[in-house]
Amino acid sequence: MYFRSTGLGKTQLAGKVVELKRQGDYLIMHVDTTEPVKWRIRAAMSFRDLAKVVGECMKLAIISFILSPKQWFNKEPKHPGDF
């Protein structure tokens, strides 16, 4: 997983989701970045945030991405370029 932030300029962070847990009325997602720095990033998602994510995942382009056999067996995906 790659991350970019307008606050970091063109710096790109590599990382992975390591935990998702409920805390009160939120789901807390923990992401560990590995390059160029080692950080733990946390995001608190409300029910509305999660509903938005699920709704966006219902788009045909996303469903076809998830169901594509190429995605299931592709060990190292190509970099997405400038995103």
C-alpha atoms as a PDB file:
ATOM      1  CA  MET A   1       0.000   0.000   0.000  1.00  0.00           C
ATOM      2  CA  TYR A   2       1.299   3.453  -0.859  1.00  0.00           C
ATOM      3  CA  PHE A   3       0.421   6.751   0.783  1.00  0.00           C
ATOM      4  CA  ARG A   4       0.870  10.328  -0.319  1.00  0.00           C
ATOM      5  CA  SER A   5       0.104  13.551   1.497  1.00  0.00           C
ATOM      6  CA  THR A   6      -0.001  17.094   0.213  1.00  0.00           C
ATOM      7  CA  GLY A   7       1.776  18.056   3.431  1.00  0.00           C
ATOM      8  CA  LEU A   8       4.754  15.847   2.558  1.00  0.00           C
ATOM      9  CA  GLY A   9       5.229  17.158  -0.972  1.00  0.00           C
ATOM     10  CA  LYS A  10       6.138  14.382  -3.399  1.00  0.00           C
ATOM     11  CA  THR A  11       7.195  12.004  -0.618  1.00  0.00           C
ATOM     12  CA  GLN A  12       5.623   8.583  -0.971  1.00  0.00           C
ATOM     13  CA  LEU A  13       5.188   6.252   2.002  1.00  0.00           C
ATOM     14  CA  ALA A  14       5.030   2.463   1.714  1.00  0.00           C
ATOM     15  CA  GLY A  15       3.130   0.551   4.365  1.00  0.00           C
ATOM     16  CA  LYS A  16       0.491  -2.001   5.250  1.00  0.00           C
ATOM     17  CA  VAL A  17      -2.695  -2.235   7.282  1.00  0.00           C
ATOM     18  CA  VAL A  18      -1.904  -4.176  10.452  1.00  0.00           C
ATOM     19  CA  GLU A  19      -5.027  -3.871  12.591  1.00  0.00           C
ATOM     20  CA  LEU A  20      -8.642  -2.790  12.523  1.00  0.00           C
ATOM     21  CA  LYS A  21     -10.484  -2.623  15.823  1.00  0.00           C
ATOM     22  CA  ARG A  22     -13.561  -1.040  17.318  1.00  0.00           C
ATOM     23  CA  GLN A  23     -13.168   1.725  19.866  1.00  0.00           C
ATOM     24  CA  GLY A  24     -16.464   3.194  20.987  1.00  0.00           C
ATOM     25  CA  ASP A  25     -18.327   4.580  17.977  1.00  0.00           C
ATOM     26  CA  TYR A  26     -15.295   4.305  15.670  1.00  0.00           C
ATOM     27  CA  LEU A  27     -13.234   1.702  13.864  1.00  0.00           C
ATOM     28  CA  ILE A  28      -9.544   2.390  14.342  1.00  0.00           C
ATOM     29  CA  MET A  29      -7.316   1.359  11.452  1.00  0.00           C
ATOM     30  CA  HIS A  30      -3.609   1.006  12.199  1.00  0.00           C
ATOM     31  CA  VAL A  31      -1.147   1.277   9.319  1.00  0.00           C
ATOM     32  CA  ASP A  32       2.595   0.696   9.691  1.00  0.00           C
ATOM     33  CA  THR A  33       4.701   2.564   7.162  1.00  0.00           C
ATOM     34  CA  THR A  34       8.044   1.021   6.255  1.00  0.00           C
ATOM     35  CA  GLU A  35       9.652   3.452   3.805  1.00  0.00           C
ATOM     36  CA  PRO A  36      11.114   6.058   3.941  1.00  0.00           C
ATOM     37  CA  VAL A  37      10.269   6.250   7.655  1.00  0.00           C
ATOM     38  CA  LYS A  38       8.751   3.812  10.128  1.00  0.00           C
ATOM     39  CA  TRP A  39       5.553   5.316  11.481  1.00  0.00           C
ATOM     40  CA  ARG A  40       2.295   3.989  12.877  1.00  0.00           C
ATOM     41  CA  ILE A  41      -0.593   5.866  11.289  1.00  0.00           C
ATOM     42  CA  ARG A  42      -4.044   5.623  12.831  1.00  0.00           C
ATOM     43  CA  ALA A  43      -7.356   6.547  11.252  1.00  0.00           C
ATOM     44  CA  ALA A  44     -10.634   6.679  13.171  1.00  0.00           C
ATOM     45  CA  MET A  45     -13.575   5.840  10.894  1.00  0.00           C
ATOM     46  CA  SER A  46     -17.137   6.564  11.882  1.00  0.00           C
ATOM     47  CA  PHE A  47     -20.092   4.544  10.616  1.00  0.00           C
ATOM     48  CA  ARG A  48     -20.679   7.155   7.893  1.00  0.00           C
ATOM     49  CA  ASP A  49     -17.038   6.924   6.788  1.00  0.00           C
ATOM     50  CA  LEU A  50     -17.299   3.136   6.578  1.00  0.00           C
ATOM     51  CA  ALA A  51     -20.607   3.370   4.705  1.00  0.00           C
ATOM     52  CA  LYS A  52     -18.911   5.674   2.187  1.00  0.00           C
ATOM     53  CA  VAL A  53     -16.036   3.201   1.697  1.00  0.00           C
ATOM     54  CA  VAL A  54     -18.445   0.275   1.226  1.00  0.00           C
ATOM     55  CA  GLY A  55     -20.557   2.346  -1.168  1.00  0.00           C
ATOM     56  CA  GLU A  56     -17.511   3.281  -3.237  1.00  0.00           C
ATOM     57  CA  CYS A  57     -16.529  -0.414  -3.348  1.00  0.00           C
ATOM     58  CA  MET A  58     -19.852  -1.197  -5.049  1.00  0.00           C
ATOM     59  CA  LYS A  59     -18.745   0.544  -8.251  1.00  0.00           C
ATOM     60  CA  LEU A  60     -18.254  -1.785 -11.208  1.00  0.00           C
ATOM     61  CA  ALA A  61     -14.584  -0.810 -11.660  1.00  0.00           C
ATOM     62  CA  ILE A  62     -13.809  -1.731  -8.037  1.00  0.00           C
ATOM     63  CA  ILE A  63     -15.781  -4.996  -8.106  1.00  0.00           C
ATOM     64  CA  SER A  64     -14.043  -6.079 -11.320  1.00  0.00           C
ATOM     65  CA  PHE A  65     -10.663  -5.224  -9.732  1.00  0.00           C
ATOM     66  CA  ILE A  66     -11.445  -7.354  -6.672  1.00  0.00           C
ATOM     67  CA  LEU A  67     -12.761 -10.304  -8.706  1.00  0.00           C
ATOM     68  CA  SER A  68      -9.950 -10.266 -11.272  1.00  0.00           C
ATOM     69  CA  PRO A  69      -7.893 -13.487 -11.031  1.00  0.00           C
ATOM     70  CA  LYS A  70      -4.828 -11.426 -11.962  1.00  0.00           C
ATOM     71  CA  GLN A  71      -5.115  -9.542  -8.643  1.00  0.00           C
ATOM     72  CA  TRP A  72      -5.336 -12.737  -6.602  1.00  0.00           C
ATOM     73  CA  PHE A  73      -2.081 -14.187  -7.906  1.00  0.00           C
ATOM     74  CA  ASN A  74      -0.057 -11.052  -8.685  1.00  0.00           C
ATOM     75  CA  LYS A  75       2.732 -11.072  -6.089  1.00  0.00           C
ATOM     76  CA  GLU A  76       4.154  -7.623  -6.892  1.00  0.00           C
ATOM     77  CA  PRO A  77       1.745  -5.179  -8.545  1.00  0.00           C
ATOM     78  CA  LYS A  78       3.061  -2.414 -10.786  1.00  0.00           C
ATOM     79  CA  HIS A  79       3.471   0.995  -9.179  1.00  0.00           C
ATOM     80  CA  PRO A  80       0.386   3.179  -9.790  1.00  0.00           C
ATOM     81  CA  GLY A  81       2.475   6.127 -11.011  1.00  0.00           C
ATOM     82  CA  ASP A  82       1.591   9.620  -9.869  1.00  0.00           C
ATOM     83  CA  PHE A  83      -1.558   9.408  -7.738  1.00  0.00           C
END
